[in-house]
Amino acid sequence: MKNPLRTLIEQPGIKAAPAVYDCLGAMVAEQAGFEFLFTSGFGLSASLLGKPDMGYLTASEMIGAACRIANSVSIPVIADMDTGYGNPLNVIRMVQEIAPSKVAGIILEDQECPKKCGHFEGKRVISVEEQVEKIKAAVYARGDSNLVIVGRTDARAIEGLQGAIARGEHYLEAGADVLFIEAPQSRDELKEIARHFAGVPLFANIIEGGKTPNLSVQELEEMGYKLAAFALSGLFSVTQALKDCFGCLKQDGSTENINKDLSFEQFKDVIHIDKHIELERKFGLL
């Protein structure tokens, strides 16, 4: 069966989606009408560990989270798999665990381990040759699963735009299906990447307050990008909502004045409680 993510990539126009860090966010995004999702290593590190995206997450934590998120929705999920968690052999093990799951694609980057968020300072990258071998290992390990491999380079901050573009060429030659040059620093840089790789499925990552301009989906489409991730928009919004809610509760000693736009009944709809009640009936639990 054809990977539904490949079908989306082959369709004309750009495809955009938020990144999520848990099953609830994934379900809300699907119900909002998005056709696919990304997982956010930044969000997972914050939500699972309470730590910044600086390489604290392990392969098993990332794989487990990605698989749970993919199982919670019916749309394709691209999973952030950081550096592959070691050398090409480690990449093979990671892909072999991911490939049989419902995860439709992975992002594999060229930072040194431990990595950092692509919009943090102080990043370092491995050699082109090392990353090429990791991508080849991922291609080998996916077998006939048709898993989509997104080759990511963080070299813009270290080697400049032309260095990142040169790496992108090598990663595509090694078998990456989609190219992701992280953290271009201007509209002109985004345009240059799109011009250089005309016809290649390109990935853009938008982070409010990050190094890349906060462009609209339409602007990115006009440049020639195929996939756009709004990586931290949901995380930032949820964090502010929690701060407002908990701050009000602490100050007032009551939830009376908390903004309750979502009711208990509406939340039950979000998590599809009717389906689970039906299962209870089916198996004699009601």
Protein backbone atom coordinates (compact mmCIF):
# COMPACT_ATOMS: atom_id res chain seq x y z
CA MET A 1 0.00 0.00 0.00
CA LYS A 2 1.30 3.44 -0.92
CA ASN A 3 2.41 5.67 1.92
CA PRO A 4 -0.29 8.41 2.18
CA LEU A 5 2.41 10.96 2.93
CA ARG A 6 3.99 10.31 -0.46
CA THR A 7 0.61 10.91 -2.06
CA LEU A 8 0.38 14.29 -0.33
CA ILE A 9 3.89 15.24 -1.40
CA GLU A 10 3.11 14.35 -5.01
CA GLN A 11 0.02 16.55 -5.08
CA PRO A 12 0.37 20.12 -6.41
CA GLY A 13 0.78 22.98 -3.96
CA ILE A 14 2.15 23.25 -0.46
CA LYS A 15 1.04 21.16 2.50
CA ALA A 16 1.28 22.78 5.93
CA ALA A 17 0.67 21.49 9.44
CA PRO A 18 1.45 22.17 13.09
CA ALA A 19 3.91 20.09 15.06
CA VAL A 20 2.51 18.35 18.14
CA TYR A 21 4.00 16.74 21.20
CA ASP A 22 1.19 14.51 22.47
CA CYS A 23 -1.86 12.57 21.32
CA LEU A 24 -4.35 15.21 22.41
CA GLY A 25 -2.67 17.85 20.25
CA ALA A 26 -2.59 15.43 17.34
CA MET A 27 -6.31 14.73 17.65
CA VAL A 28 -7.15 18.43 17.85
CA ALA A 29 -5.04 19.12 14.76
CA GLU A 30 -6.74 16.34 12.81
CA GLN A 31 -10.17 17.64 13.82
CA ALA A 32 -9.11 21.11 12.65
CA GLY A 33 -8.73 19.64 9.17
CA PHE A 34 -4.98 19.20 8.75
CA GLU A 35 -3.97 16.44 6.35
CA PHE A 36 -0.80 15.39 8.19
CA LEU A 37 1.29 16.24 11.28
CA PHE A 38 4.80 16.55 12.59
CA THR A 39 6.10 15.61 16.01
CA SER A 40 8.15 18.22 17.83
CA GLY A 41 11.31 17.18 19.63
CA PHE A 42 11.30 20.61 21.29
CA GLY A 43 7.77 20.06 22.57
CA LEU A 44 8.43 16.48 23.62
CA SER A 45 11.51 17.48 25.59
CA ALA A 46 9.54 20.20 27.38
CA SER A 47 6.44 18.09 28.05
CA LEU A 48 8.06 14.74 28.88
CA LEU A 49 11.14 15.94 30.73
CA GLY A 50 10.65 19.62 31.51
CA LYS A 51 13.94 20.29 29.76
CA PRO A 52 15.04 22.34 26.74
CA ASP A 53 15.67 20.73 23.36
CA MET A 54 19.35 20.02 23.97
CA GLY A 55 19.67 16.30 23.35
CA TYR A 56 18.15 14.98 26.56
CA LEU A 57 15.59 12.71 24.87
CA THR A 58 16.57 9.12 24.10
CA ALA A 59 15.73 7.12 20.99
CA SER A 60 13.20 4.98 22.85
CA GLU A 61 11.41 8.05 24.22
CA MET A 62 11.17 9.65 20.78
CA ILE A 63 10.12 6.45 19.03
CA GLY A 64 7.51 5.65 21.69
CA ALA A 65 6.02 9.14 21.55
CA ALA A 66 5.94 9.17 17.75
CA CYS A 67 4.21 5.80 17.58
CA ARG A 68 1.61 6.77 20.18
CA ILE A 69 0.86 10.00 18.35
CA ALA A 70 0.59 8.21 14.99
CA ASN A 71 -1.77 5.64 16.51
CA SER A 72 -4.07 8.37 17.85
CA VAL A 73 -4.94 9.83 14.43
CA SER A 74 -5.78 8.64 10.92
CA ILE A 75 -3.56 11.15 9.09
CA PRO A 76 0.16 10.69 8.29
CA VAL A 77 2.74 11.71 10.89
CA ILE A 78 6.32 12.82 10.24
CA ALA A 79 8.43 12.09 13.32
CA ASP A 80 11.39 14.14 14.48
CA MET A 81 14.15 11.57 15.01
CA ASP A 82 16.94 14.05 15.75
CA THR A 83 20.38 12.72 14.76
CA GLY A 84 19.35 9.08 14.57
CA TYR A 85 20.89 8.57 18.04
CA GLY A 86 24.34 7.44 16.97
CA ASN A 87 26.16 6.08 13.96
CA PRO A 88 24.60 4.42 10.88
CA LEU A 89 24.01 1.20 12.81
CA ASN A 90 21.98 3.10 15.39
CA VAL A 91 20.04 4.74 12.55
CA ILE A 92 19.26 1.29 11.15
CA ARG A 93 17.90 0.14 14.49
CA MET A 94 15.82 3.30 14.88
CA VAL A 95 14.32 3.02 11.39
CA GLN A 96 13.62 -0.69 11.80
CA GLU A 97 11.59 0.12 14.91
CA ILE A 98 9.75 3.00 13.23
CA ALA A 99 9.10 1.43 9.80
CA PRO A 100 6.48 -1.16 10.90
CA SER A 101 4.51 1.49 12.80
CA LYS A 102 1.97 4.00 11.50
CA VAL A 103 4.62 6.73 11.34
CA ALA A 104 4.80 7.87 7.71
CA GLY A 105 8.08 9.78 7.69
CA ILE A 106 11.11 10.75 9.76
CA ILE A 107 13.39 13.77 9.96
CA LEU A 108 17.10 12.96 10.23
CA GLU A 109 19.51 15.82 10.94
CA ASP A 110 23.27 16.36 10.75
CA GLN A 111 24.02 17.94 14.12
CA GLU A 112 26.59 16.48 16.47
CA CYS A 113 25.14 14.55 19.37
CA PRO A 114 23.86 15.88 21.72
CA LYS A 115 21.95 18.13 19.35
CA LYS A 116 20.18 21.41 20.06
CA CYS A 117 17.05 23.11 18.82
CA GLY A 118 17.76 24.36 15.32
CA HIS A 119 17.13 27.96 16.41
CA PHE A 120 19.49 27.85 19.43
CA GLU A 121 23.05 29.16 19.33
CA GLY A 122 26.11 26.93 19.61
CA LYS A 123 25.13 24.14 17.20
CA ARG A 124 27.76 21.89 15.65
CA VAL A 125 27.43 19.56 12.68
CA ILE A 126 29.05 16.28 11.73
CA SER A 127 30.86 15.86 8.42
CA VAL A 128 28.95 15.59 5.17
CA GLU A 129 30.35 12.09 4.73
CA GLU A 130 29.03 10.92 8.10
CA GLN A 131 25.54 12.23 7.42
CA VAL A 132 25.47 10.73 3.93
CA GLU A 133 26.14 7.32 5.49
CA LYS A 134 23.33 7.87 8.01
CA ILE A 135 20.87 8.70 5.24
CA LYS A 136 21.98 5.67 3.24
CA ALA A 137 21.50 3.57 6.38
CA ALA A 138 17.96 4.91 6.78
CA VAL A 139 17.16 4.13 3.14
CA TYR A 140 18.52 0.61 3.62
CA ALA A 141 16.63 0.02 6.87
CA ARG A 142 13.22 1.16 5.64
CA GLY A 143 13.11 -1.76 3.20
CA ASP A 144 9.80 -1.86 1.36
CA SER A 145 7.97 0.18 4.01
CA ASN A 146 8.07 3.32 1.81
CA LEU A 147 8.92 5.45 4.85
CA VAL A 148 9.59 9.05 3.80
CA ILE A 149 13.03 10.33 4.81
CA VAL A 150 13.44 14.06 5.36
CA GLY A 151 17.13 14.99 5.21
CA ARG A 152 17.80 17.98 7.45
CA THR A 153 20.91 20.13 7.66
CA ASP A 154 21.67 22.63 10.39
CA ALA A 155 24.79 23.84 8.59
CA ARG A 156 23.42 27.32 7.77
CA ALA A 157 24.56 28.59 11.17
CA ILE A 158 28.05 27.07 10.84
CA GLU A 159 28.96 26.92 7.15
CA GLY A 160 26.71 29.62 5.73
CA LEU A 161 23.90 29.26 3.23
CA GLN A 162 26.05 27.92 0.40
CA GLY A 163 27.54 25.30 2.68
CA ALA A 164 24.05 24.19 3.70
CA ILE A 165 22.96 24.06 0.05
CA ALA A 166 25.98 21.93 -0.84
CA ARG A 167 25.12 19.52 1.97
CA GLY A 168 21.54 19.37 0.73
CA GLU A 169 22.72 18.18 -2.67
CA HIS A 170 24.66 15.33 -1.07
CA TYR A 171 21.75 14.32 1.14
CA LEU A 172 19.39 14.11 -1.81
CA GLU A 173 21.93 12.02 -3.72
CA ALA A 174 22.14 9.70 -0.70
CA GLY A 175 18.40 9.02 -0.91
CA ALA A 176 16.55 11.66 1.12
CA ASP A 177 13.03 12.15 -0.24
CA VAL A 178 12.57 15.68 1.13
CA LEU A 179 15.17 18.36 1.90
CA PHE A 180 15.03 20.50 5.05
CA ILE A 181 17.55 23.33 5.39
CA GLU A 182 17.00 24.55 8.94
CA ALA A 183 16.95 28.20 10.03
CA PRO A 184 17.43 30.29 6.87
CA GLN A 185 17.74 33.83 8.14
CA SER A 186 15.83 35.91 5.57
CA ARG A 187 13.26 35.83 2.80
CA ASP A 188 16.10 36.03 0.30
CA GLU A 189 17.72 32.93 1.76
CA LEU A 190 14.45 31.01 1.61
CA LYS A 191 14.04 32.09 -2.00
CA GLU A 192 17.61 31.10 -2.87
CA ILE A 193 17.10 27.61 -1.44
CA ALA A 194 13.89 27.22 -3.46
CA ARG A 195 15.55 28.47 -6.65
CA HIS A 196 18.52 26.16 -6.26
CA PHE A 197 16.39 23.10 -5.56
CA ALA A 198 13.56 23.80 -8.01
CA GLY A 199 11.43 20.67 -8.38
CA VAL A 200 12.72 19.11 -5.14
CA PRO A 201 10.25 18.61 -2.25
CA LEU A 202 11.41 21.26 0.22
CA PHE A 203 10.53 21.61 3.89
CA ALA A 204 10.25 24.95 5.71
CA ASN A 205 10.15 25.30 9.50
CA ILE A 206 8.45 28.36 11.01
CA ILE A 207 9.04 29.22 14.67
CA GLU A 208 7.65 32.44 16.06
CA GLY A 209 10.63 34.43 17.33
CA GLY A 210 13.10 32.07 15.67
CA LYS A 211 15.78 32.80 13.08
CA THR A 212 13.55 32.24 10.04
CA PRO A 213 11.04 34.95 9.06
CA ASN A 214 7.49 34.12 10.10
CA LEU A 215 6.08 33.73 6.59
CA SER A 216 2.59 32.60 5.66
CA VAL A 217 1.83 29.33 3.96
CA GLN A 218 0.93 31.25 0.82
CA GLU A 219 4.31 33.03 0.73
CA LEU A 220 6.17 29.74 1.14
CA GLU A 221 4.09 28.14 -1.60
CA GLU A 222 4.88 30.98 -3.98
CA MET A 223 8.58 30.40 -3.33
CA GLY A 224 8.22 26.70 -4.15
CA TYR A 225 8.15 24.90 -0.80
CA LYS A 226 6.22 21.63 -0.52
CA LEU A 227 5.95 21.12 3.27
CA ALA A 228 5.68 23.72 6.03
CA ALA A 229 5.82 23.00 9.75
CA PHE A 230 4.67 25.46 12.39
CA ALA A 231 6.75 23.72 14.98
CA LEU A 232 6.04 25.49 18.26
CA SER A 233 2.82 27.46 17.69
CA GLY A 234 0.67 24.98 19.59
CA LEU A 235 3.19 24.57 22.40
CA PHE A 236 3.42 28.32 22.93
CA SER A 237 -0.36 28.75 22.85
CA VAL A 238 -1.02 25.91 25.29
CA THR A 239 1.70 27.13 27.67
CA GLN A 240 0.19 30.62 27.77
CA ALA A 241 -3.30 29.16 28.32
CA LEU A 242 -1.99 27.12 31.26
CA LYS A 243 -0.23 30.14 32.73
CA ASP A 244 -3.44 32.15 32.49
CA CYS A 245 -5.57 29.37 33.96
CA PHE A 246 -3.28 28.46 36.84
CA GLY A 247 -2.47 32.10 37.59
CA CYS A 248 -6.17 32.90 37.87
CA LEU A 249 -6.80 29.87 40.08
CA LYS A 250 -3.95 30.80 42.40
CA GLN A 251 -4.99 34.44 42.61
CA ASP A 252 -8.74 33.94 43.01
CA GLY A 253 -8.85 30.55 44.73
CA SER A 254 -11.60 29.66 42.27
CA THR A 255 -12.10 28.68 38.65
CA GLU A 256 -15.10 30.97 38.28
CA ASN A 257 -13.20 33.61 36.32
CA ILE A 258 -11.12 31.26 34.22
CA ASN A 259 -11.80 31.42 30.50
CA LYS A 260 -13.71 28.18 29.89
CA ASP A 261 -14.33 28.27 26.15
CA LEU A 262 -14.20 24.46 26.03
CA SER A 263 -16.78 22.61 28.08
CA PHE A 264 -16.50 19.16 29.63
CA GLU A 265 -18.92 17.81 27.01
CA GLN A 266 -16.93 19.35 24.17
CA PHE A 267 -13.72 17.84 25.50
CA LYS A 268 -15.33 14.41 25.55
CA ASP A 269 -16.05 14.89 21.85
CA VAL A 270 -12.39 15.73 21.17
CA ILE A 271 -11.26 12.41 22.65
CA HIS A 272 -14.04 10.46 20.90
CA ILE A 273 -15.59 9.13 24.07
CA ASP A 274 -18.56 7.70 22.16
CA LYS A 275 -16.26 5.18 20.44
CA HIS A 276 -14.96 3.96 23.77
CA ILE A 277 -18.43 3.69 25.28
CA GLU A 278 -19.42 1.60 22.27
CA LEU A 279 -16.47 -0.70 22.95
CA GLU A 280 -17.65 -1.08 26.53
CA ARG A 281 -21.07 -2.12 25.23
CA LYS A 282 -19.55 -4.50 22.67
CA PHE A 283 -17.58 -6.37 25.28
CA GLY A 284 -20.24 -6.46 28.00
CA LEU A 285 -18.80 -3.78 30.25
CA LEU A 286 -22.00 -1.72 30.27
